[in-house]
Amino acid sequence: RRDGPWQHRVREECLAVRDAAGILDLPGFSRFNLDGPGAADWLSQQVTGLVPKPGRIGLVYFADDKGRIVTEMSVVRHDENLMTLITAAVAQWHDFEWLK
């Protein structure tokens, strides 16, 4: 079990974020900005699912030429041509290579 004296405070914080609002610092994640005309079309050709619509967020998977999943990223679609891709910090260089 992972119980400890911190459990009550963690629960309070989780409920506060769920029921109201919170700020999340994401130091364990890497971010890539994808911007420009055709950015969404380009990304849609790289992933196995649908790129989210503007104003939405979604999870997408990248596959190799044999269809094996090689990474996943969250896509924050700010507008028609601007997206932020969020991935694990440990995968930063691996995922950067997939985006090149």
PDB file of N, CA and C in Angstrom:
ATOM      1  N   ARG A   1       0.822  -1.196   0.000  1.00  0.00           N
ATOM      2  CA  ARG A   1       0.000   0.000   0.000  1.00  0.00           C
ATOM      3  C   ARG A   1       0.859   1.250   0.000  1.00  0.00           C
ATOM      4  N   ARG A   2       0.292   2.301  -0.482  1.00  0.00           N
ATOM      5  CA  ARG A   2       1.037   3.562  -0.550  1.00  0.00           C
ATOM      6  C   ARG A   2       0.475   4.604   0.409  1.00  0.00           C
ATOM      7  N   ASP A   3      -0.191   4.163   1.424  1.00  0.00           N
ATOM      8  CA  ASP A   3      -0.747   5.100   2.398  1.00  0.00           C
ATOM      9  C   ASP A   3       0.369   5.729   3.215  1.00  0.00           C
ATOM     10  N   GLY A   4       0.122   6.918   3.673  1.00  0.00           N
ATOM     11  CA  GLY A   4       1.078   7.611   4.516  1.00  0.00           C
ATOM     12  C   GLY A   4       0.447   8.871   5.061  1.00  0.00           C
ATOM     13  N   PRO A   5       1.194   9.624   5.845  1.00  0.00           N
ATOM     14  CA  PRO A   5       0.642  10.835   6.461  1.00  0.00           C
ATOM     15  C   PRO A   5       0.269  11.910   5.437  1.00  0.00           C
ATOM     16  N   TRP A   6       0.738  11.783   4.222  1.00  0.00           N
ATOM     17  CA  TRP A   6       0.445  12.753   3.163  1.00  0.00           C
ATOM     18  C   TRP A   6      -0.897  12.484   2.466  1.00  0.00           C
ATOM     19  N   GLN A   7      -1.447  11.303   2.673  1.00  0.00           N
ATOM     20  CA  GLN A   7      -2.622  10.857   1.926  1.00  0.00           C
ATOM     21  C   GLN A   7      -3.791  11.840   2.018  1.00  0.00           C
ATOM     22  N   HIS A   8      -4.049  12.367   3.209  1.00  0.00           N
ATOM     23  CA  HIS A   8      -5.172  13.292   3.399  1.00  0.00           C
ATOM     24  C   HIS A   8      -4.982  14.558   2.560  1.00  0.00           C
ATOM     25  N   ARG A   9      -3.776  15.112   2.575  1.00  0.00           N
ATOM     26  CA  ARG A   9      -3.507  16.344   1.809  1.00  0.00           C
ATOM     27  C   ARG A   9      -3.589  16.107   0.299  1.00  0.00           C
ATOM     28  N   VAL A  10      -3.092  14.986  -0.149  1.00  0.00           N
ATOM     29  CA  VAL A  10      -3.162  14.656  -1.574  1.00  0.00           C
ATOM     30  C   VAL A  10      -4.616  14.531  -2.000  1.00  0.00           C
ATOM     31  N   ARG A  11      -5.424  13.867  -1.191  1.00  0.00           N
ATOM     32  CA  ARG A  11      -6.853  13.727  -1.493  1.00  0.00           C
ATOM     33  C   ARG A  11      -7.523  15.097  -1.579  1.00  0.00           C
ATOM     34  N   GLU A  12      -7.246  15.965  -0.609  1.00  0.00           N
ATOM     35  CA  GLU A  12      -7.833  17.310  -0.618  1.00  0.00           C
ATOM     36  C   GLU A  12      -7.471  18.065  -1.902  1.00  0.00           C
ATOM     37  N   GLU A  13      -6.214  17.974  -2.286  1.00  0.00           N
ATOM     38  CA  GLU A  13      -5.762  18.677  -3.488  1.00  0.00           C
ATOM     39  C   GLU A  13      -6.428  18.120  -4.745  1.00  0.00           C
ATOM     40  N   CYS A  14      -6.512  16.813  -4.843  1.00  0.00           N
ATOM     41  CA  CYS A  14      -7.159  16.194  -6.008  1.00  0.00           C
ATOM     42  C   CYS A  14      -8.623  16.590  -6.102  1.00  0.00           C
ATOM     43  N   LEU A  15      -9.315  16.597  -4.976  1.00  0.00           N
ATOM     44  CA  LEU A  15     -10.727  16.987  -4.980  1.00  0.00           C
ATOM     45  C   LEU A  15     -10.891  18.462  -5.336  1.00  0.00           C
ATOM     46  N   ALA A  16      -9.999  19.306  -4.845  1.00  0.00           N
ATOM     47  CA  ALA A  16     -10.079  20.733  -5.162  1.00  0.00           C
ATOM     48  C   ALA A  16      -9.894  20.968  -6.657  1.00  0.00           C
ATOM     49  N   VAL A  17      -8.939  20.282  -7.265  1.00  0.00           N
ATOM     50  CA  VAL A  17      -8.715  20.432  -8.707  1.00  0.00           C
ATOM     51  C   VAL A  17      -9.894  19.873  -9.487  1.00  0.00           C
ATOM     52  N   ARG A  18     -10.410  18.735  -9.041  1.00  0.00           N
ATOM     53  CA  ARG A  18     -11.551  18.131  -9.732  1.00  0.00           C
ATOM     54  C   ARG A  18     -12.788  19.016  -9.647  1.00  0.00           C
ATOM     55  N   ASP A  19     -13.039  19.581  -8.470  1.00  0.00           N
ATOM     56  CA  ASP A  19     -14.288  20.306  -8.236  1.00  0.00           C
ATOM     57  C   ASP A  19     -14.203  21.799  -8.524  1.00  0.00           C
ATOM     58  N   ALA A  20     -13.013  22.350  -8.601  1.00  0.00           N
ATOM     59  CA  ALA A  20     -12.866  23.791  -8.815  1.00  0.00           C
ATOM     60  C   ALA A  20     -11.855  24.032  -9.933  1.00  0.00           C
ATOM     61  N   ALA A  21     -10.639  24.348  -9.559  1.00  0.00           N
ATOM     62  CA  ALA A  21      -9.596  24.622 -10.552  1.00  0.00           C
ATOM     63  C   ALA A  21      -8.237  24.391  -9.916  1.00  0.00           C
ATOM     64  N   GLY A  22      -7.222  24.327 -10.750  1.00  0.00           N
ATOM     65  CA  GLY A  22      -5.872  24.141 -10.243  1.00  0.00           C
ATOM     66  C   GLY A  22      -4.862  24.501 -11.307  1.00  0.00           C
ATOM     67  N   ILE A  23      -3.641  24.645 -10.877  1.00  0.00           N
ATOM     68  CA  ILE A  23      -2.532  24.909 -11.785  1.00  0.00           C
ATOM     69  C   ILE A  23      -1.638  23.686 -11.756  1.00  0.00           C
ATOM     70  N   LEU A  24      -1.291  23.207 -12.918  1.00  0.00           N
ATOM     71  CA  LEU A  24      -0.473  22.014 -13.021  1.00  0.00           C
ATOM     72  C   LEU A  24       0.864  22.372 -13.650  1.00  0.00           C
ATOM     73  N   ASP A  25       1.931  22.147 -12.913  1.00  0.00           N
ATOM     74  CA  ASP A  25       3.273  22.331 -13.446  1.00  0.00           C
ATOM     75  C   ASP A  25       3.688  21.003 -14.058  1.00  0.00           C
ATOM     76  N   LEU A  26       4.196  21.013 -15.269  1.00  0.00           N
ATOM     77  CA  LEU A  26       4.494  19.778 -15.988  1.00  0.00           C
ATOM     78  C   LEU A  26       5.994  19.584 -16.215  1.00  0.00           C
ATOM     79  N   PRO A  27       6.795  19.510 -15.166  1.00  0.00           N
ATOM     80  CA  PRO A  27       8.231  19.367 -15.390  1.00  0.00           C
ATOM     81  C   PRO A  27       8.620  18.012 -15.972  1.00  0.00           C
ATOM     82  N   GLY A  28       7.759  17.023 -15.830  1.00  0.00           N
ATOM     83  CA  GLY A  28       8.060  15.695 -16.357  1.00  0.00           C
ATOM     84  C   GLY A  28       7.651  15.522 -17.804  1.00  0.00           C
ATOM     85  N   PHE A  29       7.327  16.624 -18.460  1.00  0.00           N
ATOM     86  CA  PHE A  29       6.861  16.552 -19.836  1.00  0.00           C
ATOM     87  C   PHE A  29       7.664  17.480 -20.738  1.00  0.00           C
ATOM     88  N   SER A  30       7.764  17.108 -21.988  1.00  0.00           N
ATOM     89  CA  SER A  30       8.364  17.959 -23.016  1.00  0.00           C
ATOM     90  C   SER A  30       7.245  18.495 -23.889  1.00  0.00           C
ATOM     91  N   ARG A  31       7.468  19.680 -24.430  1.00  0.00           N
ATOM     92  CA  ARG A  31       6.467  20.303 -25.288  1.00  0.00           C
ATOM     93  C   ARG A  31       7.109  20.702 -26.612  1.00  0.00           C
ATOM     94  N   PHE A  32       6.373  20.465 -27.675  1.00  0.00           N
ATOM     95  CA  PHE A  32       6.792  20.903 -29.005  1.00  0.00           C
ATOM     96  C   PHE A  32       5.659  21.730 -29.584  1.00  0.00           C
ATOM     97  N   ASN A  33       5.975  22.886 -30.152  1.00  0.00           N
ATOM     98  CA  ASN A  33       4.964  23.684 -30.837  1.00  0.00           C
ATOM     99  C   ASN A  33       5.030  23.381 -32.323  1.00  0.00           C
ATOM    100  N   LEU A  34       3.880  23.148 -32.883  1.00  0.00           N
ATOM    101  CA  LEU A  34       3.744  22.878 -34.313  1.00  0.00           C
ATOM    102  C   LEU A  34       2.874  23.994 -34.865  1.00  0.00           C
ATOM    103  N   ASP A  35       3.425  24.772 -35.786  1.00  0.00           N
ATOM    104  CA  ASP A  35       2.744  25.988 -36.216  1.00  0.00           C
ATOM    105  C   ASP A  35       2.937  26.197 -37.713  1.00  0.00           C
ATOM    106  N   GLY A  36       1.940  26.783 -38.320  1.00  0.00           N
ATOM    107  CA  GLY A  36       2.050  27.167 -39.718  1.00  0.00           C
ATOM    108  C   GLY A  36       0.942  26.579 -40.570  1.00  0.00           C
ATOM    109  N   PRO A  37       0.762  27.147 -41.766  1.00  0.00           N
ATOM    110  CA  PRO A  37      -0.255  26.631 -42.677  1.00  0.00           C
ATOM    111  C   PRO A  37       0.010  25.156 -42.986  1.00  0.00           C
ATOM    112  N   GLY A  38      -1.008  24.351 -42.892  1.00  0.00           N
ATOM    113  CA  GLY A  38      -0.875  22.934 -43.193  1.00  0.00           C
ATOM    114  C   GLY A  38      -0.362  22.083 -42.044  1.00  0.00           C
ATOM    115  N   ALA A  39      -0.127  22.687 -40.877  1.00  0.00           N
ATOM    116  CA  ALA A  39       0.416  21.930 -39.743  1.00  0.00           C
ATOM    117  C   ALA A  39      -0.510  20.790 -39.338  1.00  0.00           C
ATOM    118  N   ALA A  40      -1.795  21.057 -39.279  1.00  0.00           N
ATOM    119  CA  ALA A  40      -2.748  20.016 -38.879  1.00  0.00           C
ATOM    120  C   ALA A  40      -2.821  18.905 -39.922  1.00  0.00           C
ATOM    121  N   ASP A  41      -2.783  19.277 -41.188  1.00  0.00           N
ATOM    122  CA  ASP A  41      -2.798  18.262 -42.245  1.00  0.00           C
ATOM    123  C   ASP A  41      -1.549  17.391 -42.170  1.00  0.00           C
ATOM    124  N   TRP A  42      -0.394  18.031 -41.943  1.00  0.00           N
ATOM    125  CA  TRP A  42       0.850  17.265 -41.818  1.00  0.00           C
ATOM    126  C   TRP A  42       0.763  16.301 -40.644  1.00  0.00           C
ATOM    127  N   LEU A  43       0.303  16.804 -39.488  1.00  0.00           N
ATOM    128  CA  LEU A  43       0.221  15.949 -38.302  1.00  0.00           C
ATOM    129  C   LEU A  43      -0.756  14.800 -38.519  1.00  0.00           C
ATOM    130  N   SER A  44      -1.859  15.062 -39.190  1.00  0.00           N
ATOM    131  CA  SER A  44      -2.853  14.002 -39.412  1.00  0.00           C
ATOM    132  C   SER A  44      -2.292  12.862 -40.259  1.00  0.00           C
ATOM    133  N   GLN A  45      -1.272  13.143 -41.058  1.00  0.00           N
ATOM    134  CA  GLN A  45      -0.634  12.092 -41.861  1.00  0.00           C
ATOM    135  C   GLN A  45       0.411  11.315 -41.065  1.00  0.00           C
ATOM    136  N   GLN A  46       0.765  11.825 -39.886  1.00  0.00           N
ATOM    137  CA  GLN A  46       1.793  11.189 -39.065  1.00  0.00           C
ATOM    138  C   GLN A  46       1.216  10.292 -37.974  1.00  0.00           C
ATOM    139  N   VAL A  47      -0.054  10.487 -37.631  1.00  0.00           N
ATOM    140  CA  VAL A  47      -0.641   9.789 -36.480  1.00  0.00           C
ATOM    141  C   VAL A  47      -1.723   8.815 -36.921  1.00  0.00           C
ATOM    142  N   THR A  48      -2.076   7.911 -36.000  1.00  0.00           N
ATOM    143  CA  THR A  48      -3.042   6.869 -36.334  1.00  0.00           C
ATOM    144  C   THR A  48      -4.484   7.276 -36.080  1.00  0.00           C
ATOM    145  N   GLY A  49      -4.721   8.358 -35.371  1.00  0.00           N
ATOM    146  CA  GLY A  49      -6.088   8.779 -35.061  1.00  0.00           C
ATOM    147  C   GLY A  49      -6.379  10.141 -35.653  1.00  0.00           C
ATOM    148  N   LEU A  50      -7.346  10.799 -35.064  1.00  0.00           N
ATOM    149  CA  LEU A  50      -7.751  12.117 -35.538  1.00  0.00           C
ATOM    150  C   LEU A  50      -7.048  13.212 -34.753  1.00  0.00           C
ATOM    151  N   VAL A  51      -6.631  14.251 -35.446  1.00  0.00           N
ATOM    152  CA  VAL A  51      -6.094  15.438 -34.796  1.00  0.00           C
ATOM    153  C   VAL A  51      -7.287  16.190 -34.211  1.00  0.00           C
ATOM    154  N   PRO A  52      -7.196  16.629 -32.945  1.00  0.00           N
ATOM    155  CA  PRO A  52      -8.346  17.314 -32.350  1.00  0.00           C
ATOM    156  C   PRO A  52      -8.708  18.607 -33.083  1.00  0.00           C
ATOM    157  N   LYS A  53      -9.956  18.993 -32.957  1.00  0.00           N
ATOM    158  CA  LYS A  53     -10.434  20.240 -33.555  1.00  0.00           C
ATOM    159  C   LYS A  53      -9.888  21.425 -32.763  1.00  0.00           C
ATOM    160  N   PRO A  54      -9.851  22.619 -33.375  1.00  0.00           N
ATOM    161  CA  PRO A  54      -9.376  23.803 -32.649  1.00  0.00           C
ATOM    162  C   PRO A  54     -10.129  23.990 -31.329  1.00  0.00           C
ATOM    163  N   GLY A  55      -9.359  24.309 -30.289  1.00  0.00           N
ATOM    164  CA  GLY A  55      -9.933  24.492 -28.963  1.00  0.00           C
ATOM    165  C   GLY A  55     -10.053  23.211 -28.157  1.00  0.00           C
ATOM    166  N   ARG A  56      -9.603  22.098 -28.715  1.00  0.00           N
ATOM    167  CA  ARG A  56      -9.726  20.797 -28.040  1.00  0.00           C
ATOM    168  C   ARG A  56      -8.346  20.195 -27.807  1.00  0.00           C
ATOM    169  N   ILE A  57      -8.323  19.143 -26.995  1.00  0.00           N
ATOM    170  CA  ILE A  57      -7.099  18.398 -26.730  1.00  0.00           C
ATOM    171  C   ILE A  57      -7.387  16.928 -26.976  1.00  0.00           C
ATOM    172  N   GLY A  58      -6.395  16.201 -27.447  1.00  0.00           N
ATOM    173  CA  GLY A  58      -6.588  14.777 -27.705  1.00  0.00           C
ATOM    174  C   GLY A  58      -5.274  14.023 -27.622  1.00  0.00           C
ATOM    175  N   LEU A  59      -5.377  12.720 -27.527  1.00  0.00           N
ATOM    176  CA  LEU A  59      -4.214  11.844 -27.475  1.00  0.00           C
ATOM    177  C   LEU A  59      -4.044  11.197 -28.838  1.00  0.00           C
ATOM    178  N   VAL A  60      -2.837  11.273 -29.386  1.00  0.00           N
ATOM    179  CA  VAL A  60      -2.567  10.676 -30.693  1.00  0.00           C
ATOM    180  C   VAL A  60      -1.402   9.704 -30.570  1.00  0.00           C
ATOM    181  N   TYR A  61      -1.374   8.734 -31.472  1.00  0.00           N
ATOM    182  CA  TYR A  61      -0.329   7.721 -31.485  1.00  0.00           C
ATOM    183  C   TYR A  61       0.432   7.798 -32.796  1.00  0.00           C
ATOM    184  N   PHE A  62       1.726   7.622 -32.716  1.00  0.00           N
ATOM    185  CA  PHE A  62       2.593   7.565 -33.883  1.00  0.00           C
ATOM    186  C   PHE A  62       2.987   6.112 -34.091  1.00  0.00           C
ATOM    187  N   ALA A  63       2.919   5.645 -35.325  1.00  0.00           N
ATOM    188  CA  ALA A  63       3.251   4.252 -35.635  1.00  0.00           C
ATOM    189  C   ALA A  63       4.378   4.207 -36.661  1.00  0.00           C
ATOM    190  N   ASP A  64       5.134   3.114 -36.616  1.00  0.00           N
ATOM    191  CA  ASP A  64       6.180   2.930 -37.623  1.00  0.00           C
ATOM    192  C   ASP A  64       5.567   2.350 -38.894  1.00  0.00           C
ATOM    193  N   ASP A  65       6.391   2.053 -39.883  1.00  0.00           N
ATOM    194  CA  ASP A  65       5.871   1.585 -41.170  1.00  0.00           C
ATOM    195  C   ASP A  65       5.244   0.197 -41.100  1.00  0.00           C
ATOM    196  N   LYS A  66       5.414  -0.497 -39.983  1.00  0.00           N
ATOM    197  CA  LYS A  66       4.763  -1.798 -39.790  1.00  0.00           C
ATOM    198  C   LYS A  66       3.508  -1.691 -38.926  1.00  0.00           C
ATOM    199  N   GLY A  67       3.153  -0.460 -38.563  1.00  0.00           N
ATOM    200  CA  GLY A  67       1.948  -0.242 -37.777  1.00  0.00           C
ATOM    201  C   GLY A  67       2.136  -0.378 -36.278  1.00  0.00           C
ATOM    202  N   ARG A  68       3.375  -0.532 -35.822  1.00  0.00           N
ATOM    203  CA  ARG A  68       3.639  -0.650 -34.388  1.00  0.00           C
ATOM    204  C   ARG A  68       3.685   0.738 -33.756  1.00  0.00           C
ATOM    205  N   ILE A  69       3.027   0.893 -32.617  1.00  0.00           N
ATOM    206  CA  ILE A  69       3.020   2.169 -31.913  1.00  0.00           C
ATOM    207  C   ILE A  69       4.423   2.445 -31.373  1.00  0.00           C
ATOM    208  N   VAL A  70       4.946   3.631 -31.688  1.00  0.00           N
ATOM    209  CA  VAL A  70       6.285   3.996 -31.225  1.00  0.00           C
ATOM    210  C   VAL A  70       6.266   5.101 -30.175  1.00  0.00           C
ATOM    211  N   THR A  71       5.200   5.887 -30.149  1.00  0.00           N
ATOM    212  CA  THR A  71       5.064   6.915 -29.123  1.00  0.00           C
ATOM    213  C   THR A  71       3.641   7.463 -29.134  1.00  0.00           C
ATOM    214  N   GLU A  72       3.310   8.152 -28.058  1.00  0.00           N
ATOM    215  CA  GLU A  72       2.028   8.851 -27.988  1.00  0.00           C
ATOM    216  C   GLU A  72       2.283  10.263 -27.503  1.00  0.00           C
ATOM    217  N   MET A  73       1.430  11.174 -27.918  1.00  0.00           N
ATOM    218  CA  MET A  73       1.534  12.567 -27.495  1.00  0.00           C
ATOM    219  C   MET A  73       0.137  13.133 -27.317  1.00  0.00           C
ATOM    220  N   SER A  74       0.013  14.042 -26.365  1.00  0.00           N
ATOM    221  CA  SER A  74      -1.210  14.826 -26.254  1.00  0.00           C
ATOM    222  C   SER A  74      -1.068  16.015 -27.190  1.00  0.00           C
ATOM    223  N   VAL A  75      -2.138  16.340 -27.876  1.00  0.00           N
ATOM    224  CA  VAL A  75      -2.132  17.471 -28.805  1.00  0.00           C
ATOM    225  C   VAL A  75      -3.119  18.509 -28.297  1.00  0.00           C
ATOM    226  N   VAL A  76      -2.619  19.702 -28.020  1.00  0.00           N
ATOM    227  CA  VAL A  76      -3.468  20.832 -27.657  1.00  0.00           C
ATOM    228  C   VAL A  76      -3.600  21.670 -28.917  1.00  0.00           C
ATOM    229  N   ARG A  77      -4.798  21.714 -29.457  1.00  0.00           N
ATOM    230  CA  ARG A  77      -5.034  22.458 -30.708  1.00  0.00           C
ATOM    231  C   ARG A  77      -5.526  23.848 -30.347  1.00  0.00           C
ATOM    232  N   HIS A  78      -4.631  24.823 -30.417  1.00  0.00           N
ATOM    233  CA  HIS A  78      -4.967  26.193 -30.036  1.00  0.00           C
ATOM    234  C   HIS A  78      -5.854  26.868 -31.076  1.00  0.00           C
ATOM    235  N   ASP A  79      -5.509  26.696 -32.332  1.00  0.00           N
ATOM    236  CA  ASP A  79      -6.321  27.233 -33.420  1.00  0.00           C
ATOM    237  C   ASP A  79      -6.059  26.386 -34.657  1.00  0.00           C
ATOM    238  N   GLU A  80      -6.458  26.877 -35.803  1.00  0.00           N
ATOM    239  CA  GLU A  80      -6.364  26.082 -37.028  1.00  0.00           C
ATOM    240  C   GLU A  80      -4.942  25.607 -37.327  1.00  0.00           C
ATOM    241  N   ASN A  81      -3.960  26.477 -37.075  1.00  0.00           N
ATOM    242  CA  ASN A  81      -2.586  26.171 -37.478  1.00  0.00           C
ATOM    243  C   ASN A  81      -1.576  26.113 -36.340  1.00  0.00           C
ATOM    244  N   LEU A  82      -2.016  26.162 -35.087  1.00  0.00           N
ATOM    245  CA  LEU A  82      -1.090  26.141 -33.953  1.00  0.00           C
ATOM    246  C   LEU A  82      -1.479  25.036 -32.986  1.00  0.00           C
ATOM    247  N   MET A  83      -0.510  24.155 -32.718  1.00  0.00           N
ATOM    248  CA  MET A  83      -0.723  23.050 -31.789  1.00  0.00           C
ATOM    249  C   MET A  83       0.484  22.920 -30.878  1.00  0.00           C
ATOM    250  N   THR A  84       0.242  22.469 -29.653  1.00  0.00           N
ATOM    251  CA  THR A  84       1.313  22.090 -28.742  1.00  0.00           C
ATOM    252  C   THR A  84       1.219  20.591 -28.545  1.00  0.00           C
ATOM    253  N   LEU A  85       2.329  19.908 -28.770  1.00  0.00           N
ATOM    254  CA  LEU A  85       2.395  18.467 -28.564  1.00  0.00           C
ATOM    255  C   LEU A  85       3.122  18.227 -27.250  1.00  0.00           C
ATOM    256  N   ILE A  86       2.539  17.428 -26.382  1.00  0.00           N
ATOM    257  CA  ILE A  86       3.094  17.161 -25.058  1.00  0.00           C
ATOM    258  C   ILE A  86       3.445  15.687 -24.974  1.00  0.00           C
ATOM    259  N   THR A  87       4.668  15.414 -24.528  1.00  0.00           N
ATOM    260  CA  THR A  87       5.156  14.046 -24.438  1.00  0.00           C
ATOM    261  C   THR A  87       6.007  13.903 -23.181  1.00  0.00           C
ATOM    262  N   ALA A  88       6.348  12.697 -22.837  1.00  0.00           N
ATOM    263  CA  ALA A  88       7.167  12.451 -21.650  1.00  0.00           C
ATOM    264  C   ALA A  88       8.554  13.068 -21.816  1.00  0.00           C
ATOM    265  N   ALA A  89       9.074  13.648 -20.743  1.00  0.00           N
ATOM    266  CA  ALA A  89      10.399  14.271 -20.803  1.00  0.00           C
ATOM    267  C   ALA A  89      11.464  13.265 -21.209  1.00  0.00           C
ATOM    268  N   VAL A  90      11.338  12.048 -20.733  1.00  0.00           N
ATOM    269  CA  VAL A  90      12.335  11.027 -21.048  1.00  0.00           C
ATOM    270  C   VAL A  90      12.336  10.681 -22.539  1.00  0.00           C
ATOM    271  N   ALA A  91      11.238  10.971 -23.227  1.00  0.00           N
ATOM    272  CA  ALA A  91      11.119  10.652 -24.653  1.00  0.00           C
ATOM    273  C   ALA A  91      11.384  11.861 -25.548  1.00  0.00           C
ATOM    274  N   GLN A  92      11.875  12.940 -24.985  1.00  0.00           N
ATOM    275  CA  GLN A  92      12.018  14.180 -25.751  1.00  0.00           C
ATOM    276  C   GLN A  92      12.797  13.993 -27.050  1.00  0.00           C
ATOM    277  N   TRP A  93      13.972  13.418 -27.002  1.00  0.00           N
ATOM    278  CA  TRP A  93      14.791  13.294 -28.206  1.00  0.00           C
ATOM    279  C   TRP A  93      14.232  12.242 -29.153  1.00  0.00           C
ATOM    280  N   HIS A  94      13.725  11.157 -28.598  1.00  0.00           N
ATOM    281  CA  HIS A  94      13.095  10.118 -29.425  1.00  0.00           C
ATOM    282  C   HIS A  94      11.930  10.710 -30.209  1.00  0.00           C
ATOM    283  N   ASP A  95      11.062  11.431 -29.509  1.00  0.00           N
ATOM    284  CA  ASP A  95       9.876  11.990 -30.154  1.00  0.00           C
ATOM    285  C   ASP A  95      10.230  13.132 -31.099  1.00  0.00           C
ATOM    286  N   PHE A  96      11.256  13.892 -30.770  1.00  0.00           N
ATOM    287  CA  PHE A  96      11.703  14.955 -31.672  1.00  0.00           C
ATOM    288  C   PHE A  96      12.120  14.377 -33.018  1.00  0.00           C
ATOM    289  N   GLU A  97      12.788  13.238 -32.988  1.00  0.00           N
ATOM    290  CA  GLU A  97      13.193  12.581 -34.238  1.00  0.00           C
ATOM    291  C   GLU A  97      11.978  12.177 -35.072  1.00  0.00           C
ATOM    292  N   TRP A  98      10.893  11.752 -34.416  1.00  0.00           N
ATOM    293  CA  TRP A  98       9.681  11.377 -35.156  1.00  0.00           C
ATOM    294  C   TRP A  98       9.010  12.581 -35.788  1.00  0.00           C
ATOM    295  N   LEU A  99       9.213  13.746 -35.192  1.00  0.00           N
ATOM    296  CA  LEU A  99       8.578  14.953 -35.716  1.00  0.00           C
ATOM    297  C   LEU A  99       9.394  15.612 -36.827  1.00  0.00           C
ATOM    298  N   LYS A 100      10.663  15.252 -36.968  1.00  0.00           N
ATOM    299  CA  LYS A 100      11.511  15.880 -37.992  1.00  0.00           C
ATOM    300  C   LYS A 100      11.159  15.397 -39.383  1.00  0.00           C
TER     301      LYS A 100
END
